[in-house]
Amino acid sequence: MGMAGGFGSVTELVNLCRSGAAGQIELMAKFIGKAGLAGALRAREWETFAKGYNGPDLRKNACHTKNGGGLQALEER
């Protein structure tokens, strides 16, 4: 996997984050892929996805319900 989650250096990772929304989305997509969460996301298994993405305290901030609700709002547009 290499240094810093597949990046050549921590600086490379930070520069991608600082490059703007597109860079942050790219980083998020890489994390989802490497963490094995793409299947849960595609299947709309919000609790499984949120546990892997947000951690074990997902219920504290209702991450699992916000993810599904956010997608539903986008689909209704």
PDB file of N, CA and C in Angstrom:
ATOM      1  N   MET A   1       0.827  -1.187   0.000  1.00  0.00           N
ATOM      2  CA  MET A   1       0.000   0.000   0.000  1.00  0.00           C
ATOM      3  C   MET A   1       0.865   1.240   0.000  1.00  0.00           C
ATOM      4  N   GLY A   2       2.046   1.160   0.550  1.00  0.00           N
ATOM      5  CA  GLY A   2       2.927   2.323   0.514  1.00  0.00           C
ATOM      6  C   GLY A   2       2.660   3.294   1.638  1.00  0.00           C
ATOM      7  N   MET A   3       3.410   4.348   1.615  1.00  0.00           N
ATOM      8  CA  MET A   3       3.303   5.358   2.656  1.00  0.00           C
ATOM      9  C   MET A   3       1.979   6.115   2.550  1.00  0.00           C
ATOM     10  N   ALA A   4       1.425   6.472   3.667  1.00  0.00           N
ATOM     11  CA  ALA A   4       0.247   7.345   3.739  1.00  0.00           C
ATOM     12  C   ALA A   4      -0.912   6.857   2.874  1.00  0.00           C
ATOM     13  N   GLY A   5      -1.284   5.570   3.022  1.00  0.00           N
ATOM     14  CA  GLY A   5      -2.458   5.057   2.331  1.00  0.00           C
ATOM     15  C   GLY A   5      -2.337   4.961   0.832  1.00  0.00           C
ATOM     16  N   GLY A   6      -1.152   4.690   0.327  1.00  0.00           N
ATOM     17  CA  GLY A   6      -0.975   4.549  -1.116  1.00  0.00           C
ATOM     18  C   GLY A   6      -0.391   5.778  -1.785  1.00  0.00           C
ATOM     19  N   PHE A   7      -0.181   6.823  -1.034  1.00  0.00           N
ATOM     20  CA  PHE A   7       0.432   8.035  -1.578  1.00  0.00           C
ATOM     21  C   PHE A   7       1.938   7.933  -1.415  1.00  0.00           C
ATOM     22  N   GLY A   8       2.669   8.668  -2.236  1.00  0.00           N
ATOM     23  CA  GLY A   8       4.122   8.651  -2.167  1.00  0.00           C
ATOM     24  C   GLY A   8       4.660   9.259  -0.886  1.00  0.00           C
ATOM     25  N   SER A   9       3.895  10.184  -0.314  1.00  0.00           N
ATOM     26  CA  SER A   9       4.317  10.836   0.916  1.00  0.00           C
ATOM     27  C   SER A   9       3.097  11.464   1.580  1.00  0.00           C
ATOM     28  N   VAL A  10       3.262  11.841   2.812  1.00  0.00           N
ATOM     29  CA  VAL A  10       2.200  12.543   3.527  1.00  0.00           C
ATOM     30  C   VAL A  10       1.925  13.882   2.839  1.00  0.00           C
ATOM     31  N   THR A  11       2.960  14.515   2.355  1.00  0.00           N
ATOM     32  CA  THR A  11       2.809  15.797   1.657  1.00  0.00           C
ATOM     33  C   THR A  11       1.916  15.646   0.432  1.00  0.00           C
ATOM     34  N   GLU A  12       2.086  14.560  -0.307  1.00  0.00           N
ATOM     35  CA  GLU A  12       1.246  14.307  -1.477  1.00  0.00           C
ATOM     36  C   GLU A  12      -0.220  14.175  -1.072  1.00  0.00           C
ATOM     37  N   LEU A  13      -0.485  13.458   0.010  1.00  0.00           N
ATOM     38  CA  LEU A  13      -1.846  13.308   0.515  1.00  0.00           C
ATOM     39  C   LEU A  13      -2.423  14.666   0.920  1.00  0.00           C
ATOM     40  N   VAL A  14      -1.665  15.437   1.667  1.00  0.00           N
ATOM     41  CA  VAL A  14      -2.120  16.754   2.125  1.00  0.00           C
ATOM     42  C   VAL A  14      -2.377  17.680   0.936  1.00  0.00           C
ATOM     43  N   ASN A  15      -1.497  17.658  -0.047  1.00  0.00           N
ATOM     44  CA  ASN A  15      -1.690  18.508  -1.223  1.00  0.00           C
ATOM     45  C   ASN A  15      -2.974  18.160  -1.968  1.00  0.00           C
ATOM     46  N   LEU A  16      -3.300  16.868  -2.042  1.00  0.00           N
ATOM     47  CA  LEU A  16      -4.550  16.467  -2.680  1.00  0.00           C
ATOM     48  C   LEU A  16      -5.741  17.007  -1.892  1.00  0.00           C
ATOM     49  N   CYS A  17      -5.682  16.913  -0.576  1.00  0.00           N
ATOM     50  CA  CYS A  17      -6.763  17.446   0.267  1.00  0.00           C
ATOM     51  C   CYS A  17      -6.921  18.949   0.075  1.00  0.00           C
ATOM     52  N   ARG A  18      -5.831  19.641  -0.035  1.00  0.00           N
ATOM     53  CA  ARG A  18      -5.864  21.100  -0.162  1.00  0.00           C
ATOM     54  C   ARG A  18      -6.195  21.578  -1.572  1.00  0.00           C
ATOM     55  N   SER A  19      -6.218  20.661  -2.536  1.00  0.00           N
ATOM     56  CA  SER A  19      -6.426  21.074  -3.922  1.00  0.00           C
ATOM     57  C   SER A  19      -7.871  21.475  -4.215  1.00  0.00           C
ATOM     58  N   GLY A  20      -8.774  21.171  -3.331  1.00  0.00           N
ATOM     59  CA  GLY A  20     -10.170  21.552  -3.517  1.00  0.00           C
ATOM     60  C   GLY A  20     -11.102  20.367  -3.375  1.00  0.00           C
ATOM     61  N   ALA A  21     -12.351  20.609  -3.708  1.00  0.00           N
ATOM     62  CA  ALA A  21     -13.380  19.586  -3.538  1.00  0.00           C
ATOM     63  C   ALA A  21     -13.083  18.323  -4.340  1.00  0.00           C
ATOM     64  N   ALA A  22     -12.599  18.481  -5.564  1.00  0.00           N
ATOM     65  CA  ALA A  22     -12.305  17.307  -6.396  1.00  0.00           C
ATOM     66  C   ALA A  22     -11.247  16.422  -5.747  1.00  0.00           C
ATOM     67  N   GLY A  23     -10.231  17.030  -5.166  1.00  0.00           N
ATOM     68  CA  GLY A  23      -9.188  16.270  -4.484  1.00  0.00           C
ATOM     69  C   GLY A  23      -9.718  15.566  -3.250  1.00  0.00           C
ATOM     70  N   GLN A  24     -10.580  16.227  -2.516  1.00  0.00           N
ATOM     71  CA  GLN A  24     -11.167  15.616  -1.323  1.00  0.00           C
ATOM     72  C   GLN A  24     -12.078  14.457  -1.691  1.00  0.00           C
ATOM     73  N   ILE A  25     -12.820  14.601  -2.789  1.00  0.00           N
ATOM     74  CA  ILE A  25     -13.677  13.511  -3.247  1.00  0.00           C
ATOM     75  C   ILE A  25     -12.830  12.326  -3.707  1.00  0.00           C
ATOM     76  N   GLU A  26     -11.730  12.615  -4.399  1.00  0.00           N
ATOM     77  CA  GLU A  26     -10.821  11.547  -4.829  1.00  0.00           C
ATOM     78  C   GLU A  26     -10.270  10.792  -3.621  1.00  0.00           C
ATOM     79  N   LEU A  27      -9.876  11.521  -2.589  1.00  0.00           N
ATOM     80  CA  LEU A  27      -9.357  10.900  -1.377  1.00  0.00           C
ATOM     81  C   LEU A  27     -10.431  10.051  -0.700  1.00  0.00           C
ATOM     82  N   MET A  28     -11.661  10.568  -0.634  1.00  0.00           N
ATOM     83  CA  MET A  28     -12.765   9.832  -0.036  1.00  0.00           C
ATOM     84  C   MET A  28     -13.017   8.540  -0.822  1.00  0.00           C
ATOM     85  N   ALA A  29     -13.007   8.621  -2.150  1.00  0.00           N
ATOM     86  CA  ALA A  29     -13.239   7.444  -2.979  1.00  0.00           C
ATOM     87  C   ALA A  29     -12.138   6.403  -2.779  1.00  0.00           C
ATOM     88  N   LYS A  30     -10.895   6.857  -2.672  1.00  0.00           N
ATOM     89  CA  LYS A  30      -9.788   5.931  -2.426  1.00  0.00           C
ATOM     90  C   LYS A  30      -9.967   5.228  -1.091  1.00  0.00           C
ATOM     91  N   PHE A  31     -10.364   5.978  -0.067  1.00  0.00           N
ATOM     92  CA  PHE A  31     -10.575   5.385   1.254  1.00  0.00           C
ATOM     93  C   PHE A  31     -11.697   4.347   1.200  1.00  0.00           C
ATOM     94  N   ILE A  32     -12.804   4.688   0.551  1.00  0.00           N
ATOM     95  CA  ILE A  32     -13.936   3.764   0.448  1.00  0.00           C
ATOM     96  C   ILE A  32     -13.503   2.471  -0.238  1.00  0.00           C
ATOM     97  N   GLY A  33     -12.714   2.585  -1.299  1.00  0.00           N
ATOM     98  CA  GLY A  33     -12.226   1.405  -1.996  1.00  0.00           C
ATOM     99  C   GLY A  33     -11.292   0.568  -1.143  1.00  0.00           C
ATOM    100  N   LYS A  34     -10.313   1.211  -0.522  1.00  0.00           N
ATOM    101  CA  LYS A  34      -9.321   0.488   0.276  1.00  0.00           C
ATOM    102  C   LYS A  34      -9.921  -0.111   1.539  1.00  0.00           C
ATOM    103  N   ALA A  35     -10.973   0.517   2.079  1.00  0.00           N
ATOM    104  CA  ALA A  35     -11.620   0.029   3.302  1.00  0.00           C
ATOM    105  C   ALA A  35     -12.661  -1.050   3.008  1.00  0.00           C
ATOM    106  N   GLY A  36     -12.878  -1.348   1.723  1.00  0.00           N
ATOM    107  CA  GLY A  36     -13.845  -2.376   1.361  1.00  0.00           C
ATOM    108  C   GLY A  36     -15.292  -1.962   1.581  1.00  0.00           C
ATOM    109  N   LEU A  37     -15.579  -0.672   1.433  1.00  0.00           N
ATOM    110  CA  LEU A  37     -16.916  -0.152   1.709  1.00  0.00           C
ATOM    111  C   LEU A  37     -17.753   0.091   0.460  1.00  0.00           C
ATOM    112  N   ALA A  38     -17.183  -0.108  -0.716  1.00  0.00           N
ATOM    113  CA  ALA A  38     -17.910   0.184  -1.957  1.00  0.00           C
ATOM    114  C   ALA A  38     -19.165  -0.674  -2.092  1.00  0.00           C
ATOM    115  N   GLY A  39     -19.086  -1.937  -1.716  1.00  0.00           N
ATOM    116  CA  GLY A  39     -20.243  -2.824  -1.815  1.00  0.00           C
ATOM    117  C   GLY A  39     -21.387  -2.363  -0.931  1.00  0.00           C
ATOM    118  N   ALA A  40     -21.072  -1.972   0.296  1.00  0.00           N
ATOM    119  CA  ALA A  40     -22.108  -1.480   1.215  1.00  0.00           C
ATOM    120  C   ALA A  40     -22.718  -0.190   0.693  1.00  0.00           C
ATOM    121  N   LEU A  41     -21.903   0.656   0.099  1.00  0.00           N
ATOM    122  CA  LEU A  41     -22.404   1.916  -0.460  1.00  0.00           C
ATOM    123  C   LEU A  41     -23.336   1.646  -1.637  1.00  0.00           C
ATOM    124  N   ARG A  42     -22.913   0.775  -2.547  1.00  0.00           N
ATOM    125  CA  ARG A  42     -23.756   0.437  -3.700  1.00  0.00           C
ATOM    126  C   ARG A  42     -25.070  -0.209  -3.275  1.00  0.00           C
ATOM    127  N   ALA A  43     -25.008  -1.045  -2.235  1.00  0.00           N
ATOM    128  CA  ALA A  43     -26.198  -1.763  -1.767  1.00  0.00           C
ATOM    129  C   ALA A  43     -27.056  -0.904  -0.828  1.00  0.00           C
ATOM    130  N   ARG A  44     -26.590   0.298  -0.573  1.00  0.00           N
ATOM    131  CA  ARG A  44     -27.301   1.221   0.322  1.00  0.00           C
ATOM    132  C   ARG A  44     -27.467   0.643   1.729  1.00  0.00           C
ATOM    133  N   GLU A  45     -26.443  -0.059   2.155  1.00  0.00           N
ATOM    134  CA  GLU A  45     -26.401  -0.599   3.519  1.00  0.00           C
ATOM    135  C   GLU A  45     -25.759   0.465   4.396  1.00  0.00           C
ATOM    136  N   TRP A  46     -26.564   1.430   4.785  1.00  0.00           N
ATOM    137  CA  TRP A  46     -26.049   2.648   5.416  1.00  0.00           C
ATOM    138  C   TRP A  46     -25.363   2.382   6.743  1.00  0.00           C
ATOM    139  N   GLU A  47     -25.884   1.491   7.545  1.00  0.00           N
ATOM    140  CA  GLU A  47     -25.247   1.228   8.836  1.00  0.00           C
ATOM    141  C   GLU A  47     -23.874   0.592   8.653  1.00  0.00           C
ATOM    142  N   THR A  48     -23.773  -0.376   7.735  1.00  0.00           N
ATOM    143  CA  THR A  48     -22.484  -1.020   7.455  1.00  0.00           C
ATOM    144  C   THR A  48     -21.490  -0.002   6.916  1.00  0.00           C
ATOM    145  N   PHE A  49     -21.939   0.803   5.962  1.00  0.00           N
ATOM    146  CA  PHE A  49     -21.068   1.822   5.379  1.00  0.00           C
ATOM    147  C   PHE A  49     -20.616   2.819   6.449  1.00  0.00           C
ATOM    148  N   ALA A  50     -21.556   3.331   7.234  1.00  0.00           N
ATOM    149  CA  ALA A  50     -21.227   4.344   8.246  1.00  0.00           C
ATOM    150  C   ALA A  50     -20.287   3.791   9.311  1.00  0.00           C
ATOM    151  N   LYS A  51     -20.453   2.535   9.680  1.00  0.00           N
ATOM    152  CA  LYS A  51     -19.555   1.941  10.686  1.00  0.00           C
ATOM    153  C   LYS A  51     -18.120   1.908  10.168  1.00  0.00           C
ATOM    154  N   GLY A  52     -17.952   1.562   8.893  1.00  0.00           N
ATOM    155  CA  GLY A  52     -16.612   1.522   8.314  1.00  0.00           C
ATOM    156  C   GLY A  52     -16.041   2.894   8.028  1.00  0.00           C
ATOM    157  N   TYR A  53     -16.895   3.839   7.639  1.00  0.00           N
ATOM    158  CA  TYR A  53     -16.423   5.175   7.258  1.00  0.00           C
ATOM    159  C   TYR A  53     -16.306   6.113   8.458  1.00  0.00           C
ATOM    160  N   ASN A  54     -17.292   6.061   9.344  1.00  0.00           N
ATOM    161  CA  ASN A  54     -17.339   6.996  10.470  1.00  0.00           C
ATOM    162  C   ASN A  54     -16.864   6.397  11.782  1.00  0.00           C
ATOM    163  N   GLY A  55     -16.743   5.081  11.857  1.00  0.00           N
ATOM    164  CA  GLY A  55     -16.274   4.435  13.070  1.00  0.00           C
ATOM    165  C   GLY A  55     -17.412   3.907  13.932  1.00  0.00           C
ATOM    166  N   PRO A  56     -17.046   3.276  15.041  1.00  0.00           N
ATOM    167  CA  PRO A  56     -18.035   2.592  15.864  1.00  0.00           C
ATOM    168  C   PRO A  56     -19.051   3.505  16.557  1.00  0.00           C
ATOM    169  N   ASP A  57     -18.766   4.779  16.667  1.00  0.00           N
ATOM    170  CA  ASP A  57     -19.705   5.708  17.311  1.00  0.00           C
ATOM    171  C   ASP A  57     -20.670   6.340  16.317  1.00  0.00           C
ATOM    172  N   LEU A  58     -20.945   5.645  15.214  1.00  0.00           N
ATOM    173  CA  LEU A  58     -21.782   6.209  14.156  1.00  0.00           C
ATOM    174  C   LEU A  58     -23.153   6.623  14.651  1.00  0.00           C
ATOM    175  N   ARG A  59     -23.700   5.926  15.619  1.00  0.00           N
ATOM    176  CA  ARG A  59     -25.043   6.254  16.117  1.00  0.00           C
ATOM    177  C   ARG A  59     -25.064   7.579  16.871  1.00  0.00           C
ATOM    178  N   LYS A  60     -23.948   7.937  17.464  1.00  0.00           N
ATOM    179  CA  LYS A  60     -23.866   9.185  18.227  1.00  0.00           C
ATOM    180  C   LYS A  60     -24.252  10.385  17.360  1.00  0.00           C
ATOM    181  N   ASN A  61     -23.809  10.386  16.121  1.00  0.00           N
ATOM    182  CA  ASN A  61     -24.117  11.486  15.200  1.00  0.00           C
ATOM    183  C   ASN A  61     -25.117  11.088  14.125  1.00  0.00           C
ATOM    184  N   ALA A  62     -25.737   9.920  14.272  1.00  0.00           N
ATOM    185  CA  ALA A  62     -26.739   9.406  13.329  1.00  0.00           C
ATOM    186  C   ALA A  62     -26.212   9.363  11.891  1.00  0.00           C
ATOM    187  N   CYS A  63     -24.939   8.995  11.746  1.00  0.00           N
ATOM    188  CA  CYS A  63     -24.313   8.953  10.415  1.00  0.00           C
ATOM    189  C   CYS A  63     -25.052   8.006   9.482  1.00  0.00           C
ATOM    190  N   HIS A  64     -25.490   6.876  10.004  1.00  0.00           N
ATOM    191  CA  HIS A  64     -26.141   5.877   9.162  1.00  0.00           C
ATOM    192  C   HIS A  64     -27.477   6.370   8.612  1.00  0.00           C
ATOM    193  N   THR A  65     -28.165   7.234   9.313  1.00  0.00           N
ATOM    194  CA  THR A  65     -29.435   7.755   8.795  1.00  0.00           C
ATOM    195  C   THR A  65     -29.210   8.973   7.904  1.00  0.00           C
ATOM    196  N   LYS A  66     -28.184   9.754   8.189  1.00  0.00           N
ATOM    197  CA  LYS A  66     -27.894  10.934   7.367  1.00  0.00           C
ATOM    198  C   LYS A  66     -27.445  10.551   5.968  1.00  0.00           C
ATOM    199  N   ASN A  67     -26.659   9.479   5.843  1.00  0.00           N
ATOM    200  CA  ASN A  67     -26.183   9.052   4.523  1.00  0.00           C
ATOM    201  C   ASN A  67     -27.353   8.692   3.618  1.00  0.00           C
ATOM    202  N   GLY A  68     -28.247   7.869   4.095  1.00  0.00           N
ATOM    203  CA  GLY A  68     -29.401   7.464   3.300  1.00  0.00           C
ATOM    204  C   GLY A  68     -30.325   8.632   3.003  1.00  0.00           C
ATOM    205  N   GLY A  69     -30.532   9.487   3.984  1.00  0.00           N
ATOM    206  CA  GLY A  69     -31.392  10.654   3.784  1.00  0.00           C
ATOM    207  C   GLY A  69     -30.812  11.626   2.778  1.00  0.00           C
ATOM    208  N   GLY A  70     -29.505  11.785   2.798  1.00  0.00           N
ATOM    209  CA  GLY A  70     -28.847  12.686   1.845  1.00  0.00           C
ATOM    210  C   GLY A  70     -28.977  12.193   0.419  1.00  0.00           C
ATOM    211  N   LEU A  71     -28.820  10.898   0.224  1.00  0.00           N
ATOM    212  CA  LEU A  71     -28.964  10.335  -1.115  1.00  0.00           C
ATOM    213  C   LEU A  71     -30.403  10.467  -1.602  1.00  0.00           C
ATOM    214  N   GLN A  72     -31.337  10.200  -0.722  1.00  0.00           N
ATOM    215  CA  GLN A  72     -32.747  10.307  -1.101  1.00  0.00           C
ATOM    216  C   GLN A  72     -33.082  11.741  -1.537  1.00  0.00           C
ATOM    217  N   ALA A  73     -32.565  12.723  -0.806  1.00  0.00           N
ATOM    218  CA  ALA A  73     -32.808  14.137  -1.170  1.00  0.00           C
ATOM    219  C   ALA A  73     -32.228  14.457  -2.540  1.00  0.00           C
ATOM    220  N   LEU A  74     -31.044  13.931  -2.844  1.00  0.00           N
ATOM    221  CA  LEU A  74     -30.443  14.164  -4.168  1.00  0.00           C
ATOM    222  C   LEU A  74     -31.252  13.497  -5.271  1.00  0.00           C
ATOM    223  N   GLU A  75     -31.743  12.302  -5.015  1.00  0.00           N
ATOM    224  CA  GLU A  75     -32.517  11.583  -6.023  1.00  0.00           C
ATOM    225  C   GLU A  75     -33.851  12.255  -6.319  1.00  0.00           C
ATOM    226  N   GLU A  76     -34.393  12.967  -5.350  1.00  0.00           N
ATOM    227  CA  GLU A  76     -35.693  13.622  -5.520  1.00  0.00           C
ATOM    228  C   GLU A  76     -35.586  14.934  -6.287  1.00  0.00           C
ATOM    229  N   ARG A  77     -34.400  15.419  -6.519  1.00  0.00           N
ATOM    230  CA  ARG A  77     -34.212  16.697  -7.235  1.00  0.00           C
ATOM    231  C   ARG A  77     -34.587  16.590  -8.674  1.00  0.00           C
TER     232      ARG A  77
END
